[in-house]
Protein backbone atom coordinates (compact mmCIF):
# COMPACT_ATOMS: atom_id res chain seq x y z
CA UNK A 1 -8.46 19.58 8.22
CA UNK A 2 -11.71 21.46 7.94
CA UNK A 3 -14.66 21.77 10.27
CA UNK A 4 -15.33 22.64 13.87
CA UNK A 5 -13.73 21.18 17.03
CA UNK A 6 -15.11 17.72 17.63
CA UNK A 7 -16.09 17.36 13.98
CA UNK A 8 -12.86 17.89 12.01
CA UNK A 9 -12.56 16.18 8.64
CA UNK A 10 -9.43 15.41 6.64
CA UNK A 11 -9.24 16.76 3.12
CA UNK A 12 -7.54 15.59 -0.07
CA UNK A 13 -5.02 18.41 0.45
CA UNK A 14 -3.46 16.76 3.51
CA UNK A 15 0.32 16.45 3.47
CA UNK A 16 2.44 14.37 5.83
CA UNK A 17 5.69 15.95 6.96
CA UNK A 18 7.91 12.99 7.68
CA UNK A 19 11.43 12.70 8.98
CA UNK A 20 13.99 10.59 7.13
CA UNK A 21 13.72 6.89 8.01
CA UNK A 22 16.15 6.15 10.88
CA UNK A 23 17.58 2.94 9.36
CA UNK A 24 17.75 0.88 6.23
CA UNK A 25 14.40 0.36 4.55
CA UNK A 26 13.11 -1.21 1.36
CA UNK A 27 12.68 1.82 -0.91
CA UNK A 28 16.32 3.03 -0.97
CA UNK A 29 17.56 -0.58 -1.18
CA UNK A 30 15.49 -1.08 -4.35
CA UNK A 31 16.41 2.22 -5.99
CA UNK A 32 20.05 1.74 -4.97
CA UNK A 33 19.98 -1.51 -6.95
CA UNK A 34 18.80 0.38 -10.03
CA UNK A 35 15.12 -0.52 -9.71
CA UNK A 36 12.18 1.87 -10.07
CA UNK A 37 10.36 2.91 -6.91
CA UNK A 38 7.12 4.56 -7.98
CA UNK A 39 5.20 6.18 -5.11
CA UNK A 40 1.48 6.66 -5.76
CA UNK A 41 -0.56 9.00 -3.57
CA UNK A 42 0.89 10.03 -0.22
CA UNK A 43 3.56 7.29 -0.10
CA UNK A 44 6.41 9.65 -0.95
CA UNK A 45 5.53 12.08 1.83
CA UNK A 46 5.12 9.27 4.38
CA UNK A 47 8.69 8.08 3.74
CA UNK A 48 10.22 11.54 3.18
CA UNK A 49 10.79 10.46 -0.45
CA UNK A 50 13.64 8.16 0.68
CA UNK A 51 14.46 5.94 -2.30
CA UNK A 52 11.53 7.15 -4.40
CA UNK A 53 12.40 7.46 -8.10
CA UNK A 54 9.01 8.73 -9.31
CA UNK A 55 6.02 10.33 -7.57
CA UNK A 56 2.53 10.01 -9.04
CA UNK A 57 -0.27 12.06 -7.47
CA UNK A 58 -3.35 10.34 -6.16
CA UNK A 59 -5.64 12.35 -3.90
CA UNK A 60 -8.33 9.66 -3.71
CA UNK A 61 -8.78 5.95 -4.39
CA UNK A 62 -9.77 6.30 -8.04
CA UNK A 63 -6.84 8.58 -8.88
CA UNK A 64 -4.43 6.21 -7.12
CA UNK A 65 -5.86 3.17 -8.91
CA UNK A 66 -5.59 5.00 -12.25
CA UNK A 67 -1.97 5.95 -11.51
CA UNK A 68 -1.14 2.38 -10.45
CA UNK A 69 -2.53 1.02 -13.72
CA UNK A 70 -0.64 3.68 -15.70
CA UNK A 71 2.62 2.75 -13.93
CA UNK A 72 2.03 -0.94 -14.70
CA UNK A 73 1.43 -0.11 -18.36
CA UNK A 74 4.56 2.08 -18.43
CA UNK A 75 6.58 -1.10 -17.86
CA UNK A 76 7.89 -0.08 -14.44
CA UNK A 77 10.77 -2.33 -13.33
CA UNK A 78 10.69 -2.43 -9.56
CA UNK A 79 8.08 -1.42 -6.99
CA UNK A 80 4.83 0.46 -7.47
CA UNK A 81 3.79 1.44 -3.93
CA UNK A 82 0.24 2.80 -3.85
CA UNK A 83 -1.89 4.26 -1.08
CA UNK A 84 -5.67 4.15 -1.34
CA UNK A 85 -6.30 6.99 1.07
CA UNK A 86 -10.11 7.02 1.06
CA UNK A 87 -10.31 3.84 3.15
CA UNK A 88 -8.42 5.64 5.91
CA UNK A 89 -9.32 9.31 5.48
CA UNK A 90 -12.99 9.18 4.51
CA UNK A 91 -14.32 5.97 6.00
CA UNK A 92 -12.11 4.31 8.63
CA UNK A 93 -11.30 7.33 10.80
CA UNK A 94 -14.78 8.77 10.20
CA UNK A 95 -16.33 5.40 11.23
CA UNK A 96 -18.49 5.39 8.11
CA UNK A 97 -19.33 1.70 7.69
CA UNK A 98 -21.62 2.19 4.69
CA UNK A 99 -19.06 4.36 2.90
CA UNK A 100 -16.33 1.84 3.70
CA UNK A 101 -18.43 -0.98 2.27
CA UNK A 102 -19.13 1.00 -0.92
CA UNK A 103 -15.41 1.83 -1.27
CA UNK A 104 -14.49 -1.86 -0.88
CA UNK A 105 -17.06 -2.84 -3.51
CA UNK A 106 -15.76 -0.13 -5.85
CA UNK A 107 -12.15 -1.28 -5.36
CA UNK A 108 -13.23 -4.88 -5.93
CA UNK A 109 -14.85 -3.83 -9.21
CA UNK A 110 -11.62 -2.09 -10.32
CA UNK A 111 -9.28 -4.88 -9.25
CA UNK A 112 -9.54 -6.71 -12.62
CA UNK A 113 -8.14 -3.56 -14.30
CA UNK A 114 -5.04 -3.84 -12.11
CA UNK A 115 -4.76 -7.59 -12.69
CA UNK A 116 -5.07 -7.14 -16.48
CA UNK A 117 -2.26 -4.55 -16.49
CA UNK A 118 0.10 -6.87 -14.57
CA UNK A 119 2.86 -8.78 -16.33
CA UNK A 120 3.54 -12.50 -15.97
CA UNK A 121 6.03 -12.16 -13.09
CA UNK A 122 4.39 -9.25 -11.21
CA UNK A 123 3.13 -9.65 -7.66
CA UNK A 124 0.24 -7.68 -6.19
CA UNK A 125 0.33 -7.36 -2.40
CA UNK A 126 -2.68 -5.80 -0.69
CA UNK A 127 -2.41 -4.87 2.97
CA UNK A 128 -2.84 -2.00 5.42
CA UNK A 129 -0.42 -0.27 7.75
CA UNK A 130 -2.86 -0.43 10.68
CA UNK A 131 -6.32 -1.48 11.70
CA UNK A 132 -9.16 0.97 11.21
CA UNK A 133 -12.41 -0.74 12.14
CA UNK A 134 -15.22 1.57 11.00
CA UNK A 135 -17.60 0.05 13.59
CA UNK A 136 -15.36 0.92 16.58
CA UNK A 137 -15.83 4.04 18.74
CA UNK A 138 -13.55 7.05 18.36
CA UNK A 139 -11.43 8.06 15.39
CA UNK A 140 -8.06 6.46 16.15
CA UNK A 141 -6.46 3.37 14.66
CA UNK A 142 -7.80 0.05 15.92
CA UNK A 143 -5.89 -3.06 16.91
CA UNK A 144 -7.09 -5.88 14.68
CA UNK A 145 -4.68 -7.60 12.33
CA UNK A 146 -4.25 -6.05 8.90
CA UNK A 147 -5.18 -8.24 5.96
CA UNK A 148 -2.53 -9.67 3.63
CA UNK A 149 -3.60 -10.73 0.14
CA UNK A 150 -1.06 -11.73 -2.52
CA UNK A 151 -1.81 -12.30 -6.20
CA UNK A 152 0.31 -12.99 -9.24
CA UNK A 153 -0.06 -15.05 -12.39
CA UNK A 154 2.83 -17.22 -11.20
CA UNK A 155 1.92 -17.14 -7.50
CA UNK A 156 0.46 -20.29 -5.99
CA UNK A 157 -3.23 -19.92 -5.21
CA UNK A 158 -4.75 -20.78 -1.86
CA UNK A 159 -1.59 -20.41 0.23
CA UNK A 160 -2.32 -19.48 3.84
CA UNK A 161 0.45 -17.14 4.95
CA UNK A 162 -0.65 -17.23 8.59
CA UNK A 163 -0.20 -14.46 11.11
CA UNK A 164 2.93 -12.55 10.17
CA UNK A 165 5.20 -11.17 12.87
CA UNK A 166 5.57 -7.77 11.22
CA UNK A 167 4.93 -5.67 8.13
CA UNK A 168 8.68 -6.07 7.59
CA UNK A 169 7.87 -9.58 6.27
CA UNK A 170 6.29 -7.87 3.25
CA UNK A 171 9.35 -5.68 2.75
CA UNK A 172 11.65 -8.69 2.97
CA UNK A 173 9.47 -10.59 0.47
CA UNK A 174 9.63 -7.71 -2.01
CA UNK A 175 13.41 -7.44 -1.57
CA UNK A 176 13.74 -11.23 -1.99
CA UNK A 177 11.70 -11.04 -5.20
CA UNK A 178 14.49 -8.86 -6.64
CA UNK A 179 17.35 -10.91 -5.16
CA UNK A 180 18.00 -8.36 -2.38
CA UNK A 181 17.98 -8.57 1.43
CA UNK A 182 16.86 -6.30 4.25
CA UNK A 183 17.93 -6.33 7.89
CA UNK A 184 14.47 -7.26 9.21
CA UNK A 185 11.55 -9.46 8.27
CA UNK A 186 10.99 -13.00 7.04
CA UNK A 187 10.28 -13.47 3.34
CA UNK A 188 7.29 -15.57 2.31
CA UNK A 189 8.32 -15.62 -1.38
CA UNK A 190 9.09 -19.37 -1.34
CA UNK A 191 5.66 -20.09 0.10
CA UNK A 192 3.92 -18.42 -2.83
CA UNK A 193 6.34 -19.40 -5.64
């Protein structure tokens, strides 16, 4: 953080010091099955590198998008887990609605690059780990539902996945996609296949 009390700002040099996950989670299940788990941006530090097979730096959205595309082109077999930190660090917590809108438009313009790098059977899942309404007062997380968008060349279009009970549904879906199971969550793979 830099700045004065009451006006602190996060920097690209932030590092999360996590503790090991307390129970089974997706990343070690995938890597334990011989699959790649590529962590882009701060993902590895969030999960204490549990199950991560490769770390790719990404200090901002563009770097993380570039690394994601590079991992797709490197023929990764498993999970590429990317964090687009600017939405959170620069715009959501700072309550910068105009910056957030520009960042969304920029990501939307880069999305075809990701789609073009995807293989026939790849799935792209876009979500957030918490709400962060840039129009709300304060700087903490907000309580709206996080979006869930799923794309793949073989995925059915127009499927409404409804309100999910937990982010663990995404983890279970990813595990299911590789013929694996987790202890929590309900897969929606059949709904989109």
